[in-house]
């Protein structure tokens, strides 16, 4: 089934988040150290992805244009509103905690090459191995994130399933319309653009900066437009 990898990924986050809720008695200083370690790893991962670009002007242009679109739509605010809605329904005592956990982990699990590449593999070739690997990574980090950020992490499974599932379903038809060379170009520049956003997420977790990463999400779509333009020229 085309959605097998996506569903496994979503289930891994839910199960791992439940485990994380059971191990919340971790000392605060340990939580801080673990979160800082994860944040540093996220930054390094983002840098590695960002350096894969073959046309960095595409990355810059995509981030600028995507940022303008995202600010206009105020996606960060909308994501926070979803988190706040969940928070109200759960009756959370710590205002903003569920929203923060939901937004942070949603961005980490959605913004990245593995999410797109894995979903494409599921749709194009019926190969779920990339998403199975991502499920393991997401599951492990979900335990840590839930133990430190709280129950909001579990709800990040919803946008992960919707996002990756949508790509997988669309990918079943992509071969008929998109040349493989164009797809390869898109994946490279999308990976680099996503990498810059992942660096921003890491810096946010560390508390060094507060970058509205969600407002940069349209950059992924802008990459597709710019790369297509370059390919046609």
C-alpha atoms as a PDB file:
ATOM      1  CA  UNK A   1       0.000   0.000   0.000  1.00  0.00           C
ATOM      2  CA  UNK A   2       1.309   3.420  -0.949  1.00  0.00           C
ATOM      3  CA  UNK A   3       0.704   4.877   2.535  1.00  0.00           C
ATOM      4  CA  UNK A   4       2.319   2.061   4.538  1.00  0.00           C
ATOM      5  CA  UNK A   5       5.565   3.944   5.239  1.00  0.00           C
ATOM      6  CA  UNK A   6       3.711   7.126   6.185  1.00  0.00           C
ATOM      7  CA  UNK A   7       1.350   5.323   8.568  1.00  0.00           C
ATOM      8  CA  UNK A   8       4.257   3.497  10.219  1.00  0.00           C
ATOM      9  CA  UNK A   9       6.020   6.852  10.669  1.00  0.00           C
ATOM     10  CA  UNK A  10       2.957   8.423  12.280  1.00  0.00           C
ATOM     11  CA  UNK A  11       2.391   5.417  14.529  1.00  0.00           C
ATOM     12  CA  UNK A  12       6.043   5.457  15.626  1.00  0.00           C
ATOM     13  CA  UNK A  13       5.693   9.080  16.774  1.00  0.00           C
ATOM     14  CA  UNK A  14       2.500   8.321  18.713  1.00  0.00           C
ATOM     15  CA  UNK A  15       3.892   5.218  20.435  1.00  0.00           C
ATOM     16  CA  UNK A  16       7.207   6.904  21.224  1.00  0.00           C
ATOM     17  CA  UNK A  17       5.443   9.992  22.584  1.00  0.00           C
ATOM     18  CA  UNK A  18       3.398   7.767  24.898  1.00  0.00           C
ATOM     19  CA  UNK A  19       6.625   6.196  26.141  1.00  0.00           C
ATOM     20  CA  UNK A  20       8.032   9.692  26.644  1.00  0.00           C
ATOM     21  CA  UNK A  21       5.087  10.556  28.884  1.00  0.00           C
ATOM     22  CA  UNK A  22       6.009   7.632  31.141  1.00  0.00           C
ATOM     23  CA  UNK A  23       9.585   8.787  31.644  1.00  0.00           C
ATOM     24  CA  UNK A  24       8.926  12.408  32.529  1.00  0.00           C
ATOM     25  CA  UNK A  25      10.543  12.126  35.945  1.00  0.00           C
ATOM     26  CA  UNK A  26      13.916  13.003  34.442  1.00  0.00           C
ATOM     27  CA  UNK A  27      15.829  15.707  36.402  1.00  0.00           C
ATOM     28  CA  UNK A  28      15.615  19.163  34.840  1.00  0.00           C
ATOM     29  CA  UNK A  29      19.361  19.468  34.322  1.00  0.00           C
ATOM     30  CA  UNK A  30      19.388  16.132  32.455  1.00  0.00           C
ATOM     31  CA  UNK A  31      16.496  17.292  30.253  1.00  0.00           C
ATOM     32  CA  UNK A  32      18.358  20.515  29.485  1.00  0.00           C
ATOM     33  CA  UNK A  33      21.546  18.688  28.535  1.00  0.00           C
ATOM     34  CA  UNK A  34      19.663  16.177  26.357  1.00  0.00           C
ATOM     35  CA  UNK A  35      17.692  18.927  24.592  1.00  0.00           C
ATOM     36  CA  UNK A  36      20.872  20.879  23.946  1.00  0.00           C
ATOM     37  CA  UNK A  37      22.516  17.755  22.548  1.00  0.00           C
ATOM     38  CA  UNK A  38      19.546  17.133  20.235  1.00  0.00           C
ATOM     39  CA  UNK A  39      19.548  20.788  19.168  1.00  0.00           C
ATOM     40  CA  UNK A  40      23.253  20.633  18.300  1.00  0.00           C
ATOM     41  CA  UNK A  41      22.691  17.437  16.317  1.00  0.00           C
ATOM     42  CA  UNK A  42      19.797  19.114  14.488  1.00  0.00           C
ATOM     43  CA  UNK A  43      22.042  22.075  13.603  1.00  0.00           C
ATOM     44  CA  UNK A  44      24.776  19.780  12.261  1.00  0.00           C
ATOM     45  CA  UNK A  45      22.203  17.816  10.237  1.00  0.00           C
ATOM     46  CA  UNK A  46      20.860  21.068   8.776  1.00  0.00           C
ATOM     47  CA  UNK A  47      24.335  22.303   7.841  1.00  0.00           C
ATOM     48  CA  UNK A  48      25.103  18.991   6.137  1.00  0.00           C
ATOM     49  CA  UNK A  49      21.859  19.225   4.152  1.00  0.00           C
ATOM     50  CA  UNK A  50      22.410  22.888   3.289  1.00  0.00           C
ATOM     51  CA  UNK A  51      25.851  22.202   1.820  1.00  0.00           C
ATOM     52  CA  UNK A  52      24.387  19.773  -0.715  1.00  0.00           C
ATOM     53  CA  UNK A  53      23.114  22.640  -2.887  1.00  0.00           C
ATOM     54  CA  UNK A  54      24.484  22.868  -6.409  1.00  0.00           C
ATOM     55  CA  UNK A  55      22.869  26.275  -7.054  1.00  0.00           C
ATOM     56  CA  UNK A  56      22.828  28.160  -3.766  1.00  0.00           C
ATOM     57  CA  UNK A  57      21.196  31.197  -5.355  1.00  0.00           C
ATOM     58  CA  UNK A  58      18.093  29.004  -5.712  1.00  0.00           C
ATOM     59  CA  UNK A  59      18.211  28.317  -1.975  1.00  0.00           C
ATOM     60  CA  UNK A  60      18.594  32.018  -1.122  1.00  0.00           C
ATOM     61  CA  UNK A  61      15.883  33.081  -3.558  1.00  0.00           C
ATOM     62  CA  UNK A  62      13.518  30.399  -2.298  1.00  0.00           C
ATOM     63  CA  UNK A  63      14.018  31.366   1.336  1.00  0.00           C
ATOM     64  CA  UNK A  64      13.512  35.074   0.607  1.00  0.00           C
ATOM     65  CA  UNK A  65      10.400  34.633  -1.531  1.00  0.00           C
ATOM     66  CA  UNK A  66       9.059  31.834   0.653  1.00  0.00           C
ATOM     67  CA  UNK A  67       9.645  33.936   3.757  1.00  0.00           C
ATOM     68  CA  UNK A  68       7.682  36.829   2.251  1.00  0.00           C
ATOM     69  CA  UNK A  69       4.783  34.504   1.426  1.00  0.00           C
ATOM     70  CA  UNK A  70       4.929  32.852   4.833  1.00  0.00           C
ATOM     71  CA  UNK A  71       4.929  36.184   6.652  1.00  0.00           C
ATOM     72  CA  UNK A  72       1.973  37.325   4.571  1.00  0.00           C
ATOM     73  CA  UNK A  73       0.061  34.147   5.468  1.00  0.00           C
ATOM     74  CA  UNK A  74       1.521  34.150   9.010  1.00  0.00           C
ATOM     75  CA  UNK A  75       1.858  30.363   9.040  1.00  0.00           C
ATOM     76  CA  UNK A  76       3.712  30.406  12.368  1.00  0.00           C
ATOM     77  CA  UNK A  77       0.726  32.049  14.037  1.00  0.00           C
ATOM     78  CA  UNK A  78      -1.674  29.560  12.443  1.00  0.00           C
ATOM     79  CA  UNK A  79       0.378  26.578  13.622  1.00  0.00           C
ATOM     80  CA  UNK A  80       0.509  28.067  17.106  1.00  0.00           C
ATOM     81  CA  UNK A  81      -3.259  28.544  17.008  1.00  0.00           C
ATOM     82  CA  UNK A  82      -3.674  24.832  16.233  1.00  0.00           C
ATOM     83  CA  UNK A  83      -1.389  24.022  19.154  1.00  0.00           C
ATOM     84  CA  UNK A  84      -3.302  26.425  21.422  1.00  0.00           C
ATOM     85  CA  UNK A  85      -6.615  24.818  20.386  1.00  0.00           C
ATOM     86  CA  UNK A  86      -5.267  21.384  21.333  1.00  0.00           C
ATOM     87  CA  UNK A  87      -3.960  22.891  24.567  1.00  0.00           C
ATOM     88  CA  UNK A  88      -7.411  24.219  25.495  1.00  0.00           C
ATOM     89  CA  UNK A  89      -9.055  20.879  24.732  1.00  0.00           C
ATOM     90  CA  UNK A  90      -6.534  19.077  26.942  1.00  0.00           C
ATOM     91  CA  UNK A  91      -6.824  21.648  29.704  1.00  0.00           C
ATOM     92  CA  UNK A  92      -3.050  22.027  29.938  1.00  0.00           C
ATOM     93  CA  UNK A  93      -1.873  23.836  33.069  1.00  0.00           C
ATOM     94  CA  UNK A  94       1.213  25.280  31.387  1.00  0.00           C
ATOM     95  CA  UNK A  95       0.068  27.892  28.896  1.00  0.00           C
ATOM     96  CA  UNK A  96       1.902  27.590  25.588  1.00  0.00           C
ATOM     97  CA  UNK A  97       3.592  24.286  26.412  1.00  0.00           C
ATOM     98  CA  UNK A  98       1.459  22.097  24.140  1.00  0.00           C
ATOM     99  CA  UNK A  99       1.628  24.627  21.300  1.00  0.00           C
ATOM    100  CA  UNK A 100       5.413  24.854  21.593  1.00  0.00           C
ATOM    101  CA  UNK A 101       5.828  21.064  21.598  1.00  0.00           C
ATOM    102  CA  UNK A 102       3.431  20.641  18.658  1.00  0.00           C
ATOM    103  CA  UNK A 103       4.980  23.358  16.488  1.00  0.00           C
ATOM    104  CA  UNK A 104       8.604  22.458  17.252  1.00  0.00           C
ATOM    105  CA  UNK A 105       8.276  18.741  16.558  1.00  0.00           C
ATOM    106  CA  UNK A 106       5.963  19.204  13.553  1.00  0.00           C
ATOM    107  CA  UNK A 107       8.586  21.374  11.874  1.00  0.00           C
ATOM    108  CA  UNK A 108      11.408  18.957  12.695  1.00  0.00           C
ATOM    109  CA  UNK A 109       9.516  15.919  11.378  1.00  0.00           C
ATOM    110  CA  UNK A 110       8.096  17.631   8.272  1.00  0.00           C
ATOM    111  CA  UNK A 111      10.941  19.914   7.152  1.00  0.00           C
ATOM    112  CA  UNK A 112      13.600  17.585   5.844  1.00  0.00           C
ATOM    113  CA  UNK A 113      14.761  15.554   2.906  1.00  0.00           C
ATOM    114  CA  UNK A 114      13.744  12.215   4.384  1.00  0.00           C
ATOM    115  CA  UNK A 115      10.085  13.242   4.582  1.00  0.00           C
ATOM    116  CA  UNK A 116       9.953  14.169   0.891  1.00  0.00           C
ATOM    117  CA  UNK A 117      12.325  11.518  -0.447  1.00  0.00           C
ATOM    118  CA  UNK A 118      10.693   8.781   1.614  1.00  0.00           C
ATOM    119  CA  UNK A 119       7.212   9.756   0.497  1.00  0.00           C
ATOM    120  CA  UNK A 120       8.360   9.934  -3.139  1.00  0.00           C
ATOM    121  CA  UNK A 121       9.908   6.468  -2.866  1.00  0.00           C
ATOM    122  CA  UNK A 122       6.668   5.135  -1.410  1.00  0.00           C
ATOM    123  CA  UNK A 123       4.627   6.598  -4.245  1.00  0.00           C
ATOM    124  CA  UNK A 124       6.991   6.021  -7.166  1.00  0.00           C
ATOM    125  CA  UNK A 125       8.476   2.624  -6.314  1.00  0.00           C
ATOM    126  CA  UNK A 126       6.448   1.260  -3.432  1.00  0.00           C
ATOM    127  CA  UNK A 127       9.684   1.284  -1.410  1.00  0.00           C
ATOM    128  CA  UNK A 128       9.074   2.322   2.205  1.00  0.00           C
ATOM    129  CA  UNK A 129      12.605   1.780   3.534  1.00  0.00           C
ATOM    130  CA  UNK A 130      13.420   5.511   3.836  1.00  0.00           C
ATOM    131  CA  UNK A 131      10.233   6.201   5.789  1.00  0.00           C
ATOM    132  CA  UNK A 132      10.850   3.163   7.991  1.00  0.00           C
ATOM    133  CA  UNK A 133      14.267   4.605   8.822  1.00  0.00           C
ATOM    134  CA  UNK A 134      12.702   8.024   9.435  1.00  0.00           C
ATOM    135  CA  UNK A 135      10.119   6.372  11.693  1.00  0.00           C
ATOM    136  CA  UNK A 136      12.917   4.983  13.865  1.00  0.00           C
ATOM    137  CA  UNK A 137      14.656   8.364  14.082  1.00  0.00           C
ATOM    138  CA  UNK A 138      11.416  10.260  14.729  1.00  0.00           C
ATOM    139  CA  UNK A 139      10.367   7.710  17.326  1.00  0.00           C
ATOM    140  CA  UNK A 140      13.602   7.978  19.267  1.00  0.00           C
ATOM    141  CA  UNK A 141      13.531  11.773  19.258  1.00  0.00           C
ATOM    142  CA  UNK A 142       9.792  11.783  20.146  1.00  0.00           C
ATOM    143  CA  UNK A 143      10.581   9.983  23.404  1.00  0.00           C
ATOM    144  CA  UNK A 144      13.097  12.666  24.333  1.00  0.00           C
ATOM    145  CA  UNK A 145      10.969  15.574  23.112  1.00  0.00           C
ATOM    146  CA  UNK A 146       7.875  14.343  24.964  1.00  0.00           C
ATOM    147  CA  UNK A 147       9.793  13.829  28.191  1.00  0.00           C
ATOM    148  CA  UNK A 148      11.019  17.426  27.968  1.00  0.00           C
ATOM    149  CA  UNK A 149       8.351  19.370  26.033  1.00  0.00           C
ATOM    150  CA  UNK A 150       5.210  17.421  26.917  1.00  0.00           C
ATOM    151  CA  UNK A 151       2.172  15.814  25.320  1.00  0.00           C
ATOM    152  CA  UNK A 152       1.981  18.247  22.390  1.00  0.00           C
ATOM    153  CA  UNK A 153       4.554  16.098  20.579  1.00  0.00           C
ATOM    154  CA  UNK A 154       2.013  13.316  20.006  1.00  0.00           C
ATOM    155  CA  UNK A 155      -0.156  15.575  17.827  1.00  0.00           C
ATOM    156  CA  UNK A 156       2.720  16.203  15.398  1.00  0.00           C
ATOM    157  CA  UNK A 157       1.891  12.771  13.955  1.00  0.00           C
ATOM    158  CA  UNK A 158      -1.177  14.292  12.271  1.00  0.00           C
ATOM    159  CA  UNK A 159       0.587  16.808   9.967  1.00  0.00           C
ATOM    160  CA  UNK A 160       3.339  14.222   9.331  1.00  0.00           C
ATOM    161  CA  UNK A 161       0.781  11.709   8.022  1.00  0.00           C
ATOM    162  CA  UNK A 162      -1.094  14.336   5.996  1.00  0.00           C
ATOM    163  CA  UNK A 163       2.079  15.845   4.490  1.00  0.00           C
ATOM    164  CA  UNK A 164       3.930  12.637   3.640  1.00  0.00           C
ATOM    165  CA  UNK A 165       0.742  10.847   2.641  1.00  0.00           C
ATOM    166  CA  UNK A 166      -0.170  13.644   0.253  1.00  0.00           C
ATOM    167  CA  UNK A 167       3.262  13.531  -1.380  1.00  0.00           C
ATOM    168  CA  UNK A 168       3.138   9.744  -1.683  1.00  0.00           C
ATOM    169  CA  UNK A 169      -0.269   9.808  -3.348  1.00  0.00           C
ATOM    170  CA  UNK A 170       0.768  12.587  -5.753  1.00  0.00           C
ATOM    171  CA  UNK A 171       3.978  10.719  -6.539  1.00  0.00           C
ATOM    172  CA  UNK A 172       2.011   7.812  -7.968  1.00  0.00           C
ATOM    173  CA  UNK A 173       1.193  10.119 -10.899  1.00  0.00           C
ATOM    174  CA  UNK A 174       4.435  12.116 -11.028  1.00  0.00           C
ATOM    175  CA  UNK A 175       6.320   9.956 -13.545  1.00  0.00           C
ATOM    176  CA  UNK A 176       3.915  10.917 -16.294  1.00  0.00           C
ATOM    177  CA  UNK A 177       4.541  14.644 -15.879  1.00  0.00           C
ATOM    178  CA  UNK A 178       7.968  15.334 -14.308  1.00  0.00           C
ATOM    179  CA  UNK A 179      11.259  14.351 -16.041  1.00  0.00           C
ATOM    180  CA  UNK A 180      13.675  12.472 -13.775  1.00  0.00           C
ATOM    181  CA  UNK A 181      16.397  15.120 -14.315  1.00  0.00           C
ATOM    182  CA  UNK A 182      14.065  17.861 -13.068  1.00  0.00           C
ATOM    183  CA  UNK A 183      13.074  15.749 -10.079  1.00  0.00           C
ATOM    184  CA  UNK A 184      16.746  15.194  -9.200  1.00  0.00           C
ATOM    185  CA  UNK A 185      17.410  18.950  -9.367  1.00  0.00           C
ATOM    186  CA  UNK A 186      14.422  19.651  -7.144  1.00  0.00           C
ATOM    187  CA  UNK A 187      15.448  17.081  -4.523  1.00  0.00           C
ATOM    188  CA  UNK A 188      18.979  18.521  -4.269  1.00  0.00           C
ATOM    189  CA  UNK A 189      17.856  22.143  -3.841  1.00  0.00           C
ATOM    190  CA  UNK A 190      14.887  21.193  -1.654  1.00  0.00           C
ATOM    191  CA  UNK A 191      17.272  19.285   0.605  1.00  0.00           C
ATOM    192  CA  UNK A 192      19.547  22.327   0.922  1.00  0.00           C
ATOM    193  CA  UNK A 193      16.654  24.715   1.548  1.00  0.00           C
ATOM    194  CA  UNK A 194      15.169  22.386   4.146  1.00  0.00           C
ATOM    195  CA  UNK A 195      18.619  22.145   5.726  1.00  0.00           C
ATOM    196  CA  UNK A 196      18.749  25.897   6.329  1.00  0.00           C
ATOM    197  CA  UNK A 197      15.356  25.694   8.020  1.00  0.00           C
ATOM    198  CA  UNK A 198      16.505  22.783  10.172  1.00  0.00           C
ATOM    199  CA  UNK A 199      19.500  24.850  11.330  1.00  0.00           C
ATOM    200  CA  UNK A 200      17.005  27.543  12.341  1.00  0.00           C
ATOM    201  CA  UNK A 201      14.985  24.982  14.308  1.00  0.00           C
ATOM    202  CA  UNK A 202      18.129  23.896  16.154  1.00  0.00           C
ATOM    203  CA  UNK A 203      18.958  27.505  17.040  1.00  0.00           C
ATOM    204  CA  UNK A 204      15.398  27.979  18.304  1.00  0.00           C
ATOM    205  CA  UNK A 205      15.655  24.921  20.556  1.00  0.00           C
ATOM    206  CA  UNK A 206      18.964  26.211  21.937  1.00  0.00           C
ATOM    207  CA  UNK A 207      17.288  29.555  22.657  1.00  0.00           C
ATOM    208  CA  UNK A 208      19.957  31.454  20.703  1.00  0.00           C
ATOM    209  CA  UNK A 209      17.411  32.952  18.306  1.00  0.00           C
ATOM    210  CA  UNK A 210      13.664  32.833  17.831  1.00  0.00           C
ATOM    211  CA  UNK A 211      13.209  32.366  14.090  1.00  0.00           C
ATOM    212  CA  UNK A 212       9.677  31.966  12.713  1.00  0.00           C
ATOM    213  CA  UNK A 213      10.581  28.803  10.823  1.00  0.00           C
ATOM    214  CA  UNK A 214       6.990  27.949   9.901  1.00  0.00           C
ATOM    215  CA  UNK A 215       6.854  31.161   7.885  1.00  0.00           C
ATOM    216  CA  UNK A 216       9.687  29.796   5.743  1.00  0.00           C
ATOM    217  CA  UNK A 217       7.787  26.636   4.753  1.00  0.00           C
ATOM    218  CA  UNK A 218       6.516  28.095   1.415  1.00  0.00           C
ATOM    219  CA  UNK A 219      10.200  28.117   0.381  1.00  0.00           C
ATOM    220  CA  UNK A 220       9.876  24.423  -0.504  1.00  0.00           C
ATOM    221  CA  UNK A 221       7.201  25.258  -3.096  1.00  0.00           C
ATOM    222  CA  UNK A 222       9.253  28.197  -4.368  1.00  0.00           C
ATOM    223  CA  UNK A 223      12.200  25.806  -4.901  1.00  0.00           C
ATOM    224  CA  UNK A 224       9.989  23.738  -7.207  1.00  0.00           C
ATOM    225  CA  UNK A 225       9.026  26.833  -9.222  1.00  0.00           C
ATOM    226  CA  UNK A 226      12.594  28.179  -9.532  1.00  0.00           C
ATOM    227  CA  UNK A 227      14.113  24.812 -10.394  1.00  0.00           C
ATOM    228  CA  UNK A 228      11.444  24.223 -13.027  1.00  0.00           C
ATOM    229  CA  UNK A 229      12.204  27.643 -14.536  1.00  0.00           C
ATOM    230  CA  UNK A 230      15.931  26.885 -14.677  1.00  0.00           C
ATOM    231  CA  UNK A 231      15.262  23.468 -16.210  1.00  0.00           C
ATOM    232  CA  UNK A 232      13.038  24.911 -18.943  1.00  0.00           C
ATOM    233  CA  UNK A 233      15.572  27.637 -19.777  1.00  0.00           C
END
